[in-house]
């Protein structure tokens, strides 16, 4: 599976992921990293 974690994107990244999910058989999910912490990348992975 592919887990995409949106880390407060302000561009069209999330729309691209949603479009790919609709047009593909790739097993993926879109998650949102809502936490505001010192290291958002680590929080997204967690």
ModelCIF file with pLDDT and N, C-alpha, C, O atoms, coordinates in Angstrom:
data_MODEL
#
_entry.id   MODEL 
#
_entity.id                         1 
_entity.type                       polymer 
_entity.pdbx_number_of_molecules   1 
#
_entity_poly.entity_id                      1 
_entity_poly.type                           'polypeptide(L)' 
_entity_poly.nstd_linkage                   no 
_entity_poly.nstd_monomer                   no 
_entity_poly.pdbx_seq_one_letter_code       
;(UNK)(UNK)(UNK)(UNK)(UNK)(UNK)(UNK)(UNK)(UNK)(UNK)(UNK)(UNK)(UNK)(UNK)(UNK)(UNK)
(UNK)(UNK)(UNK)(UNK)(UNK)(UNK)(UNK)(UNK)(UNK)(UNK)(UNK)(UNK)(UNK)(UNK)(UNK)(UNK)
(UNK)(UNK)(UNK)(UNK)(UNK)(UNK)(UNK)(UNK)(UNK)(UNK)(UNK)(UNK)(UNK)(UNK)
;
_entity_poly.pdbx_seq_one_letter_code_can   XXXXXXXXXXXXXXXXXXXXXXXXXXXXXXXXXXXXXXXXXXXXXX 
_entity_poly.pdbx_strand_id                 A 
#
loop_
_entity_poly_seq.entity_id 
_entity_poly_seq.num 
_entity_poly_seq.mon_id 
_entity_poly_seq.hetero 
1 1  UNK n 
1 2  UNK n 
1 3  UNK n 
1 4  UNK n 
1 5  UNK n 
1 6  UNK n 
1 7  UNK n 
1 8  UNK n 
1 9  UNK n 
1 10 UNK n 
1 11 UNK n 
1 12 UNK n 
1 13 UNK n 
1 14 UNK n 
1 15 UNK n 
1 16 UNK n 
1 17 UNK n 
1 18 UNK n 
1 19 UNK n 
1 20 UNK n 
1 21 UNK n 
1 22 UNK n 
1 23 UNK n 
1 24 UNK n 
1 25 UNK n 
1 26 UNK n 
1 27 UNK n 
1 28 UNK n 
1 29 UNK n 
1 30 UNK n 
1 31 UNK n 
1 32 UNK n 
1 33 UNK n 
1 34 UNK n 
1 35 UNK n 
1 36 UNK n 
1 37 UNK n 
1 38 UNK n 
1 39 UNK n 
1 40 UNK n 
1 41 UNK n 
1 42 UNK n 
1 43 UNK n 
1 44 UNK n 
1 45 UNK n 
1 46 UNK n 
#
_struct_asym.id          A 
_struct_asym.entity_id   1 
#
loop_
_ma_qa_metric.id 
_ma_qa_metric.mode 
_ma_qa_metric.name 
_ma_qa_metric.software_group_id 
_ma_qa_metric.type 
1 global pLDDT . pLDDT 
2 local  pLDDT . pLDDT 
#
_ma_qa_metric_global.metric_id      1 
_ma_qa_metric_global.metric_value   80.30 
_ma_qa_metric_global.model_id       1 
_ma_qa_metric_global.ordinal_id     1 
#
loop_
_ma_qa_metric_local.label_asym_id 
_ma_qa_metric_local.label_comp_id 
_ma_qa_metric_local.label_seq_id 
_ma_qa_metric_local.metric_id 
_ma_qa_metric_local.metric_value 
_ma_qa_metric_local.model_id 
_ma_qa_metric_local.ordinal_id 
A UNK 1  2 89.00 1 1  
A UNK 2  2 90.00 1 2  
A UNK 3  2 89.00 1 3  
A UNK 4  2 89.00 1 4  
A UNK 5  2 88.00 1 5  
A UNK 6  2 86.00 1 6  
A UNK 7  2 82.00 1 7  
A UNK 8  2 81.00 1 8  
A UNK 9  2 83.00 1 9  
A UNK 10 2 86.00 1 10 
A UNK 11 2 89.00 1 11 
A UNK 12 2 88.00 1 12 
A UNK 13 2 85.00 1 13 
A UNK 14 2 87.00 1 14 
A UNK 15 2 88.00 1 15 
A UNK 16 2 87.00 1 16 
A UNK 17 2 86.00 1 17 
A UNK 18 2 87.00 1 18 
A UNK 19 2 87.00 1 19 
A UNK 20 2 82.00 1 20 
A UNK 21 2 81.00 1 21 
A UNK 22 2 84.00 1 22 
A UNK 23 2 83.00 1 23 
A UNK 24 2 80.00 1 24 
A UNK 25 2 81.00 1 25 
A UNK 26 2 83.00 1 26 
A UNK 27 2 86.00 1 27 
A UNK 28 2 86.00 1 28 
A UNK 29 2 87.00 1 29 
A UNK 30 2 87.00 1 30 
A UNK 31 2 85.00 1 31 
A UNK 32 2 82.00 1 32 
A UNK 33 2 77.00 1 33 
A UNK 34 2 71.00 1 34 
A UNK 35 2 65.00 1 35 
A UNK 36 2 66.00 1 36 
A UNK 37 2 61.00 1 37 
A UNK 38 2 65.00 1 38 
A UNK 39 2 66.00 1 39 
A UNK 40 2 65.00 1 40 
A UNK 41 2 67.00 1 41 
A UNK 42 2 69.00 1 42 
A UNK 43 2 72.00 1 43 
A UNK 44 2 71.00 1 44 
A UNK 45 2 72.00 1 45 
A UNK 46 2 73.00 1 46 
#
loop_
_atom_site.group_PDB 
_atom_site.id 
_atom_site.type_symbol 
_atom_site.label_atom_id 
_atom_site.label_alt_id 
_atom_site.label_comp_id 
_atom_site.label_asym_id 
_atom_site.label_entity_id 
_atom_site.label_seq_id 
_atom_site.pdbx_PDB_ins_code 
_atom_site.Cartn_x 
_atom_site.Cartn_y 
_atom_site.Cartn_z 
_atom_site.occupancy 
_atom_site.B_iso_or_equiv 
_atom_site.pdbx_formal_charge 
_atom_site.auth_seq_id 
_atom_site.auth_comp_id 
_atom_site.auth_asym_id 
_atom_site.auth_atom_id 
_atom_site.pdbx_PDB_model_num 
ATOM 1   N N  . UNK A 1 1  ? 0.853   -1.181 0.000   1.00 89.00 ? 1  UNK A N  1 
ATOM 2   C CA . UNK A 1 1  ? 0.000   0.000  0.000   1.00 89.00 ? 1  UNK A CA 1 
ATOM 3   C C  . UNK A 1 1  ? 0.893   1.236  0.000   1.00 89.00 ? 1  UNK A C  1 
ATOM 4   O O  . UNK A 1 1  ? 2.042   1.196  0.440   1.00 89.00 ? 1  UNK A O  1 
ATOM 5   N N  . UNK A 1 2  ? 0.336   2.332  -0.504  1.00 90.00 ? 2  UNK A N  1 
ATOM 6   C CA . UNK A 1 2  ? 1.041   3.607  -0.514  1.00 90.00 ? 2  UNK A CA 1 
ATOM 7   C C  . UNK A 1 2  ? 0.239   4.566  0.347   1.00 90.00 ? 2  UNK A C  1 
ATOM 8   O O  . UNK A 1 2  ? -0.943  4.802  0.098   1.00 90.00 ? 2  UNK A O  1 
ATOM 9   N N  . UNK A 1 3  ? 0.891   5.113  1.359   1.00 89.00 ? 3  UNK A N  1 
ATOM 10  C CA . UNK A 1 3  ? 0.251   6.076  2.247   1.00 89.00 ? 3  UNK A CA 1 
ATOM 11  C C  . UNK A 1 3  ? 0.840   7.450  1.971   1.00 89.00 ? 3  UNK A C  1 
ATOM 12  O O  . UNK A 1 3  ? 2.018   7.689  2.238   1.00 89.00 ? 3  UNK A O  1 
ATOM 13  N N  . UNK A 1 4  ? 0.030   8.347  1.441   1.00 89.00 ? 4  UNK A N  1 
ATOM 14  C CA . UNK A 1 4  ? 0.443   9.722  1.204   1.00 89.00 ? 4  UNK A CA 1 
ATOM 15  C C  . UNK A 1 4  ? -0.010  10.548 2.401   1.00 89.00 ? 4  UNK A C  1 
ATOM 16  O O  . UNK A 1 4  ? -1.181  10.510 2.778   1.00 89.00 ? 4  UNK A O  1 
ATOM 17  N N  . UNK A 1 5  ? 0.914   11.292 2.996   1.00 88.00 ? 5  UNK A N  1 
ATOM 18  C CA . UNK A 1 5  ? 0.597   12.126 4.149   1.00 88.00 ? 5  UNK A CA 1 
ATOM 19  C C  . UNK A 1 5  ? 0.793   13.579 3.744   1.00 88.00 ? 5  UNK A C  1 
ATOM 20  O O  . UNK A 1 5  ? 1.912   14.008 3.461   1.00 88.00 ? 5  UNK A O  1 
ATOM 21  N N  . UNK A 1 6  ? -0.309  14.339 3.719   1.00 86.00 ? 6  UNK A N  1 
ATOM 22  C CA . UNK A 1 6  ? -0.270  15.750 3.367   1.00 86.00 ? 6  UNK A CA 1 
ATOM 23  C C  . UNK A 1 6  ? 0.209   16.544 4.574   1.00 86.00 ? 6  UNK A C  1 
ATOM 24  O O  . UNK A 1 6  ? -0.427  16.539 5.628   1.00 86.00 ? 6  UNK A O  1 
ATOM 25  N N  . UNK A 1 7  ? 1.335   17.224 4.407   1.00 82.00 ? 7  UNK A N  1 
ATOM 26  C CA . UNK A 1 7  ? 1.933   18.002 5.495   1.00 82.00 ? 7  UNK A CA 1 
ATOM 27  C C  . UNK A 1 7  ? 1.689   19.489 5.257   1.00 82.00 ? 7  UNK A C  1 
ATOM 28  O O  . UNK A 1 7  ? 2.626   20.254 5.028   1.00 82.00 ? 7  UNK A O  1 
ATOM 29  N N  . UNK A 1 8  ? 0.411   19.892 5.314   1.00 81.00 ? 8  UNK A N  1 
ATOM 30  C CA . UNK A 1 8  ? -0.006  21.298 5.182   1.00 81.00 ? 8  UNK A CA 1 
ATOM 31  C C  . UNK A 1 8  ? 0.370   21.886 3.813   1.00 81.00 ? 8  UNK A C  1 
ATOM 32  O O  . UNK A 1 8  ? 0.892   22.999 3.751   1.00 81.00 ? 8  UNK A O  1 
ATOM 33  N N  . UNK A 1 9  ? 0.120   21.170 2.737   1.00 83.00 ? 9  UNK A N  1 
ATOM 34  C CA . UNK A 1 9  ? 0.399   21.676 1.390   1.00 83.00 ? 9  UNK A CA 1 
ATOM 35  C C  . UNK A 1 9  ? -0.545  22.820 1.049   1.00 83.00 ? 9  UNK A C  1 
ATOM 36  O O  . UNK A 1 9  ? -1.720  22.816 1.417   1.00 83.00 ? 9  UNK A O  1 
ATOM 37  N N  . UNK A 1 10 ? -0.003  23.790 0.342   1.00 86.00 ? 10 UNK A N  1 
ATOM 38  C CA . UNK A 1 10 ? -0.820  24.922 -0.098  1.00 86.00 ? 10 UNK A CA 1 
ATOM 39  C C  . UNK A 1 10 ? -0.962  24.955 -1.623  1.00 86.00 ? 10 UNK A C  1 
ATOM 40  O O  . UNK A 1 10 ? -1.588  25.865 -2.166  1.00 86.00 ? 10 UNK A O  1 
ATOM 41  N N  . UNK A 1 11 ? -0.389  23.978 -2.310  1.00 89.00 ? 11 UNK A N  1 
ATOM 42  C CA . UNK A 1 11 ? -0.516  23.923 -3.765  1.00 89.00 ? 11 UNK A CA 1 
ATOM 43  C C  . UNK A 1 11 ? -1.512  22.822 -4.144  1.00 89.00 ? 11 UNK A C  1 
ATOM 44  O O  . UNK A 1 11 ? -2.344  22.432 -3.324  1.00 89.00 ? 11 UNK A O  1 
ATOM 45  N N  . UNK A 1 12 ? -1.433  22.331 -5.352  1.00 88.00 ? 12 UNK A N  1 
ATOM 46  C CA . UNK A 1 12 ? -2.400  21.338 -5.854  1.00 88.00 ? 12 UNK A CA 1 
ATOM 47  C C  . UNK A 1 12 ? -1.961  19.895 -5.597  1.00 88.00 ? 12 UNK A C  1 
ATOM 48  O O  . UNK A 1 12 ? -2.459  18.975 -6.247  1.00 88.00 ? 12 UNK A O  1 
ATOM 49  N N  . UNK A 1 13 ? -1.058  19.693 -4.681  1.00 85.00 ? 13 UNK A N  1 
ATOM 50  C CA . UNK A 1 13 ? -0.546  18.342 -4.405  1.00 85.00 ? 13 UNK A CA 1 
ATOM 51  C C  . UNK A 1 13 ? -1.658  17.382 -4.010  1.00 85.00 ? 13 UNK A C  1 
ATOM 52  O O  . UNK A 1 13 ? -1.728  16.263 -4.518  1.00 85.00 ? 13 UNK A O  1 
ATOM 53  N N  . UNK A 1 14 ? -2.517  17.813 -3.116  1.00 87.00 ? 14 UNK A N  1 
ATOM 54  C CA . UNK A 1 14 ? -3.584  16.929 -2.645  1.00 87.00 ? 14 UNK A CA 1 
ATOM 55  C C  . UNK A 1 14 ? -4.543  16.565 -3.778  1.00 87.00 ? 14 UNK A C  1 
ATOM 56  O O  . UNK A 1 14 ? -4.988  15.421 -3.864  1.00 87.00 ? 14 UNK A O  1 
ATOM 57  N N  . UNK A 1 15 ? -4.861  17.513 -4.636  1.00 88.00 ? 15 UNK A N  1 
ATOM 58  C CA . UNK A 1 15 ? -5.741  17.233 -5.774  1.00 88.00 ? 15 UNK A CA 1 
ATOM 59  C C  . UNK A 1 15 ? -5.097  16.226 -6.724  1.00 88.00 ? 15 UNK A C  1 
ATOM 60  O O  . UNK A 1 15 ? -5.787  15.369 -7.276  1.00 88.00 ? 15 UNK A O  1 
ATOM 61  N N  . UNK A 1 16 ? -3.792  16.321 -6.918  1.00 87.00 ? 16 UNK A N  1 
ATOM 62  C CA . UNK A 1 16 ? -3.088  15.352 -7.771  1.00 87.00 ? 16 UNK A CA 1 
ATOM 63  C C  . UNK A 1 16 ? -3.166  13.946 -7.192  1.00 87.00 ? 16 UNK A C  1 
ATOM 64  O O  . UNK A 1 16 ? -3.360  12.979 -7.928  1.00 87.00 ? 16 UNK A O  1 
ATOM 65  N N  . UNK A 1 17 ? -3.015  13.830 -5.885  1.00 86.00 ? 17 UNK A N  1 
ATOM 66  C CA . UNK A 1 17 ? -3.096  12.522 -5.239  1.00 86.00 ? 17 UNK A CA 1 
ATOM 67  C C  . UNK A 1 17 ? -4.510  11.954 -5.379  1.00 86.00 ? 17 UNK A C  1 
ATOM 68  O O  . UNK A 1 17 ? -4.679  10.779 -5.706  1.00 86.00 ? 17 UNK A O  1 
ATOM 69  N N  . UNK A 1 18 ? -5.516  12.782 -5.133  1.00 87.00 ? 18 UNK A N  1 
ATOM 70  C CA . UNK A 1 18 ? -6.900  12.322 -5.242  1.00 87.00 ? 18 UNK A CA 1 
ATOM 71  C C  . UNK A 1 18 ? -7.232  11.896 -6.669  1.00 87.00 ? 18 UNK A C  1 
ATOM 72  O O  . UNK A 1 18 ? -7.936  10.907 -6.874  1.00 87.00 ? 18 UNK A O  1 
ATOM 73  N N  . UNK A 1 19 ? -6.733  12.629 -7.645  1.00 87.00 ? 19 UNK A N  1 
ATOM 74  C CA . UNK A 1 19 ? -6.952  12.261 -9.044  1.00 87.00 ? 19 UNK A CA 1 
ATOM 75  C C  . UNK A 1 19 ? -6.271  10.933 -9.362  1.00 87.00 ? 19 UNK A C  1 
ATOM 76  O O  . UNK A 1 19 ? -6.841  10.088 -10.053 1.00 87.00 ? 19 UNK A O  1 
ATOM 77  N N  . UNK A 1 20 ? -5.058  10.753 -8.860  1.00 82.00 ? 20 UNK A N  1 
ATOM 78  C CA . UNK A 1 20 ? -4.337  9.493  -9.090  1.00 82.00 ? 20 UNK A CA 1 
ATOM 79  C C  . UNK A 1 20 ? -5.063  8.329  -8.427  1.00 82.00 ? 20 UNK A C  1 
ATOM 80  O O  . UNK A 1 20 ? -5.113  7.230  -8.981  1.00 82.00 ? 20 UNK A O  1 
ATOM 81  N N  . UNK A 1 21 ? -5.624  8.562  -7.249  1.00 81.00 ? 21 UNK A N  1 
ATOM 82  C CA . UNK A 1 21 ? -6.350  7.507  -6.553  1.00 81.00 ? 21 UNK A CA 1 
ATOM 83  C C  . UNK A 1 21 ? -7.606  7.108  -7.329  1.00 81.00 ? 21 UNK A C  1 
ATOM 84  O O  . UNK A 1 21 ? -7.980  5.936  -7.338  1.00 81.00 ? 21 UNK A O  1 
ATOM 85  N N  . UNK A 1 22 ? -8.254  8.069  -7.974  1.00 84.00 ? 22 UNK A N  1 
ATOM 86  C CA . UNK A 1 22 ? -9.480  7.785  -8.726  1.00 84.00 ? 22 UNK A CA 1 
ATOM 87  C C  . UNK A 1 22 ? -9.192  7.066  -10.039 1.00 84.00 ? 22 UNK A C  1 
ATOM 88  O O  . UNK A 1 22 ? -10.008 6.265  -10.496 1.00 84.00 ? 22 UNK A O  1 
ATOM 89  N N  . UNK A 1 23 ? -8.040  7.342  -10.650 1.00 83.00 ? 23 UNK A N  1 
ATOM 90  C CA . UNK A 1 23 ? -7.732  6.809  -11.980 1.00 83.00 ? 23 UNK A CA 1 
ATOM 91  C C  . UNK A 1 23 ? -6.773  5.628  -11.968 1.00 83.00 ? 23 UNK A C  1 
ATOM 92  O O  . UNK A 1 23 ? -6.299  5.220  -13.028 1.00 83.00 ? 23 UNK A O  1 
ATOM 93  N N  . UNK A 1 24 ? -6.475  5.072  -10.809 1.00 80.00 ? 24 UNK A N  1 
ATOM 94  C CA . UNK A 1 24 ? -5.459  4.037  -10.752 1.00 80.00 ? 24 UNK A CA 1 
ATOM 95  C C  . UNK A 1 24 ? -5.926  2.868  -9.888  1.00 80.00 ? 24 UNK A C  1 
ATOM 96  O O  . UNK A 1 24 ? -6.806  3.006  -9.038  1.00 80.00 ? 24 UNK A O  1 
ATOM 97  N N  . UNK A 1 25 ? -5.310  1.719  -10.133 1.00 81.00 ? 25 UNK A N  1 
ATOM 98  C CA . UNK A 1 25 ? -5.572  0.551  -9.292  1.00 81.00 ? 25 UNK A CA 1 
ATOM 99  C C  . UNK A 1 25 ? -4.561  0.477  -8.151  1.00 81.00 ? 25 UNK A C  1 
ATOM 100 O O  . UNK A 1 25 ? -4.568  -0.470 -7.364  1.00 81.00 ? 25 UNK A O  1 
ATOM 101 N N  . UNK A 1 26 ? -3.709  1.465  -8.071  1.00 83.00 ? 26 UNK A N  1 
ATOM 102 C CA . UNK A 1 26 ? -2.689  1.507  -7.034  1.00 83.00 ? 26 UNK A CA 1 
ATOM 103 C C  . UNK A 1 26 ? -3.355  1.610  -5.662  1.00 83.00 ? 26 UNK A C  1 
ATOM 104 O O  . UNK A 1 26 ? -4.177  2.502  -5.452  1.00 83.00 ? 26 UNK A O  1 
ATOM 105 N N  . UNK A 1 27 ? -3.023  0.723  -4.727  1.00 86.00 ? 27 UNK A N  1 
ATOM 106 C CA . UNK A 1 27 ? -3.644  0.767  -3.407  1.00 86.00 ? 27 UNK A CA 1 
ATOM 107 C C  . UNK A 1 27 ? -3.053  1.889  -2.560  1.00 86.00 ? 27 UNK A C  1 
ATOM 108 O O  . UNK A 1 27 ? -2.014  1.710  -1.926  1.00 86.00 ? 27 UNK A O  1 
ATOM 109 N N  . UNK A 1 28 ? -3.709  3.036  -2.550  1.00 86.00 ? 28 UNK A N  1 
ATOM 110 C CA . UNK A 1 28 ? -3.164  4.162  -1.803  1.00 86.00 ? 28 UNK A CA 1 
ATOM 111 C C  . UNK A 1 28 ? -4.244  4.860  -0.982  1.00 86.00 ? 28 UNK A C  1 
ATOM 112 O O  . UNK A 1 28 ? -5.436  4.783  -1.276  1.00 86.00 ? 28 UNK A O  1 
ATOM 113 N N  . UNK A 1 29 ? -3.776  5.539  0.053   1.00 87.00 ? 29 UNK A N  1 
ATOM 114 C CA . UNK A 1 29 ? -4.655  6.324  0.920   1.00 87.00 ? 29 UNK A CA 1 
ATOM 115 C C  . UNK A 1 29 ? -4.019  7.675  1.159   1.00 87.00 ? 29 UNK A C  1 
ATOM 116 O O  . UNK A 1 29 ? -2.797  7.821  1.135   1.00 87.00 ? 29 UNK A O  1 
ATOM 117 N N  . UNK A 1 30 ? -4.869  8.661  1.389   1.00 87.00 ? 30 UNK A N  1 
ATOM 118 C CA . UNK A 1 30 ? -4.408  10.025 1.666   1.00 87.00 ? 30 UNK A CA 1 
ATOM 119 C C  . UNK A 1 30 ? -4.709  10.348 3.117   1.00 87.00 ? 30 UNK A C  1 
ATOM 120 O O  . UNK A 1 30 ? -5.856  10.267 3.556   1.00 87.00 ? 30 UNK A O  1 
ATOM 121 N N  . UNK A 1 31 ? -3.683  10.711 3.854   1.00 85.00 ? 31 UNK A N  1 
ATOM 122 C CA . UNK A 1 31 ? -3.819  11.096 5.252   1.00 85.00 ? 31 UNK A CA 1 
ATOM 123 C C  . UNK A 1 31 ? -3.420  12.546 5.395   1.00 85.00 ? 31 UNK A C  1 
ATOM 124 O O  . UNK A 1 31 ? -2.715  13.091 4.546   1.00 85.00 ? 31 UNK A O  1 
ATOM 125 N N  . UNK A 1 32 ? -3.874  13.178 6.476   1.00 82.00 ? 32 UNK A N  1 
ATOM 126 C CA . UNK A 1 32 ? -3.527  14.579 6.736   1.00 82.00 ? 32 UNK A CA 1 
ATOM 127 C C  . UNK A 1 32 ? -2.750  14.664 8.040   1.00 82.00 ? 32 UNK A C  1 
ATOM 128 O O  . UNK A 1 32 ? -3.153  14.099 9.057   1.00 82.00 ? 32 UNK A O  1 
ATOM 129 N N  . UNK A 1 33 ? -1.651  15.363 7.998   1.00 77.00 ? 33 UNK A N  1 
ATOM 130 C CA . UNK A 1 33 ? -0.850  15.590 9.195   1.00 77.00 ? 33 UNK A CA 1 
ATOM 131 C C  . UNK A 1 33 ? -1.325  16.896 9.812   1.00 77.00 ? 33 UNK A C  1 
ATOM 132 O O  . UNK A 1 33 ? -0.918  17.976 9.383   1.00 77.00 ? 33 UNK A O  1 
ATOM 133 N N  . UNK A 1 34 ? -2.185  16.797 10.817  1.00 71.00 ? 34 UNK A N  1 
ATOM 134 C CA . UNK A 1 34 ? -2.775  17.983 11.436  1.00 71.00 ? 34 UNK A CA 1 
ATOM 135 C C  . UNK A 1 34 ? -1.926  18.554 12.554  1.00 71.00 ? 34 UNK A C  1 
ATOM 136 O O  . UNK A 1 34 ? -2.141  19.693 12.968  1.00 71.00 ? 34 UNK A O  1 
ATOM 137 N N  . UNK A 1 35 ? -0.979  17.801 13.046  1.00 65.00 ? 35 UNK A N  1 
ATOM 138 C CA . UNK A 1 35 ? -0.178  18.243 14.179  1.00 65.00 ? 35 UNK A CA 1 
ATOM 139 C C  . UNK A 1 35 ? 0.797   19.339 13.764  1.00 65.00 ? 35 UNK A C  1 
ATOM 140 O O  . UNK A 1 35 ? 1.398   19.286 12.691  1.00 65.00 ? 35 UNK A O  1 
ATOM 141 N N  . UNK A 1 36 ? 0.938   20.323 14.629  1.00 66.00 ? 36 UNK A N  1 
ATOM 142 C CA . UNK A 1 36 ? 1.919   21.390 14.419  1.00 66.00 ? 36 UNK A CA 1 
ATOM 143 C C  . UNK A 1 36 ? 3.030   21.149 15.429  1.00 66.00 ? 36 UNK A C  1 
ATOM 144 O O  . UNK A 1 36 ? 2.902   21.476 16.609  1.00 66.00 ? 36 UNK A O  1 
ATOM 145 N N  . UNK A 1 37 ? 4.112   20.575 14.948  1.00 61.00 ? 37 UNK A N  1 
ATOM 146 C CA . UNK A 1 37 ? 5.224   20.203 15.822  1.00 61.00 ? 37 UNK A CA 1 
ATOM 147 C C  . UNK A 1 37 ? 6.528   20.698 15.228  1.00 61.00 ? 37 UNK A C  1 
ATOM 148 O O  . UNK A 1 37 ? 6.559   21.294 14.151  1.00 61.00 ? 37 UNK A O  1 
ATOM 149 N N  . UNK A 1 38 ? 7.600   20.436 15.953  1.00 65.00 ? 38 UNK A N  1 
ATOM 150 C CA . UNK A 1 38 ? 8.936   20.869 15.527  1.00 65.00 ? 38 UNK A CA 1 
ATOM 151 C C  . UNK A 1 38 ? 9.390   20.142 14.257  1.00 65.00 ? 38 UNK A C  1 
ATOM 152 O O  . UNK A 1 38 ? 10.013  20.744 13.383  1.00 65.00 ? 38 UNK A O  1 
ATOM 153 N N  . UNK A 1 39 ? 9.076   18.853 14.158  1.00 66.00 ? 39 UNK A N  1 
ATOM 154 C CA . UNK A 1 39 ? 9.504   18.068 12.998  1.00 66.00 ? 39 UNK A CA 1 
ATOM 155 C C  . UNK A 1 39 ? 8.275   17.420 12.349  1.00 66.00 ? 39 UNK A C  1 
ATOM 156 O O  . UNK A 1 39 ? 7.943   16.279 12.671  1.00 66.00 ? 39 UNK A O  1 
ATOM 157 N N  . UNK A 1 40 ? 7.601   18.127 11.446  1.00 65.00 ? 40 UNK A N  1 
ATOM 158 C CA . UNK A 1 40 ? 6.369   17.599 10.851  1.00 65.00 ? 40 UNK A CA 1 
ATOM 159 C C  . UNK A 1 40 ? 6.586   16.356 9.989   1.00 65.00 ? 40 UNK A C  1 
ATOM 160 O O  . UNK A 1 40 ? 5.674   15.540 9.858   1.00 65.00 ? 40 UNK A O  1 
ATOM 161 N N  . UNK A 1 41 ? 7.762   16.196 9.403   1.00 67.00 ? 41 UNK A N  1 
ATOM 162 C CA . UNK A 1 41 ? 8.034   15.010 8.584   1.00 67.00 ? 41 UNK A CA 1 
ATOM 163 C C  . UNK A 1 41 ? 8.003   13.757 9.450   1.00 67.00 ? 41 UNK A C  1 
ATOM 164 O O  . UNK A 1 41 ? 7.393   12.757 9.072   1.00 67.00 ? 41 UNK A O  1 
ATOM 165 N N  . UNK A 1 42 ? 8.654   13.802 10.605  1.00 69.00 ? 42 UNK A N  1 
ATOM 166 C CA . UNK A 1 42 ? 8.640   12.660 11.517  1.00 69.00 ? 42 UNK A CA 1 
ATOM 167 C C  . UNK A 1 42 ? 7.233   12.388 12.029  1.00 69.00 ? 42 UNK A C  1 
ATOM 168 O O  . UNK A 1 42 ? 6.830   11.232 12.157  1.00 69.00 ? 42 UNK A O  1 
ATOM 169 N N  . UNK A 1 43 ? 6.488   13.442 12.322  1.00 72.00 ? 43 UNK A N  1 
ATOM 170 C CA . UNK A 1 43 ? 5.117   13.279 12.799  1.00 72.00 ? 43 UNK A CA 1 
ATOM 171 C C  . UNK A 1 43 ? 4.248   12.637 11.722  1.00 72.00 ? 43 UNK A C  1 
ATOM 172 O O  . UNK A 1 43 ? 3.394   11.807 12.036  1.00 72.00 ? 43 UNK A O  1 
ATOM 173 N N  . UNK A 1 44 ? 4.453   13.009 10.449  1.00 71.00 ? 44 UNK A N  1 
ATOM 174 C CA . UNK A 1 44 ? 3.721   12.411 9.348   1.00 71.00 ? 44 UNK A CA 1 
ATOM 175 C C  . UNK A 1 44 ? 4.022   10.933 9.194   1.00 71.00 ? 44 UNK A C  1 
ATOM 176 O O  . UNK A 1 44 ? 3.118   10.130 8.961   1.00 71.00 ? 44 UNK A O  1 
ATOM 177 N N  . UNK A 1 45 ? 5.286   10.576 9.325   1.00 72.00 ? 45 UNK A N  1 
ATOM 178 C CA . UNK A 1 45 ? 5.684   9.163  9.245   1.00 72.00 ? 45 UNK A CA 1 
ATOM 179 C C  . UNK A 1 45 ? 5.069   8.386  10.388  1.00 72.00 ? 45 UNK A C  1 
ATOM 180 O O  . UNK A 1 45 ? 4.576   7.276  10.186  1.00 72.00 ? 45 UNK A O  1 
ATOM 181 N N  . UNK A 1 46 ? 5.088   8.951  11.592  1.00 73.00 ? 46 UNK A N  1 
ATOM 182 C CA . UNK A 1 46 ? 4.504   8.289  12.752  1.00 73.00 ? 46 UNK A CA 1 
ATOM 183 C C  . UNK A 1 46 ? 3.007   8.072  12.552  1.00 73.00 ? 46 UNK A C  1 
ATOM 184 O O  . UNK A 1 46 ? 2.340   7.525  13.430  1.00 73.00 ? 46 UNK A O  1 
#
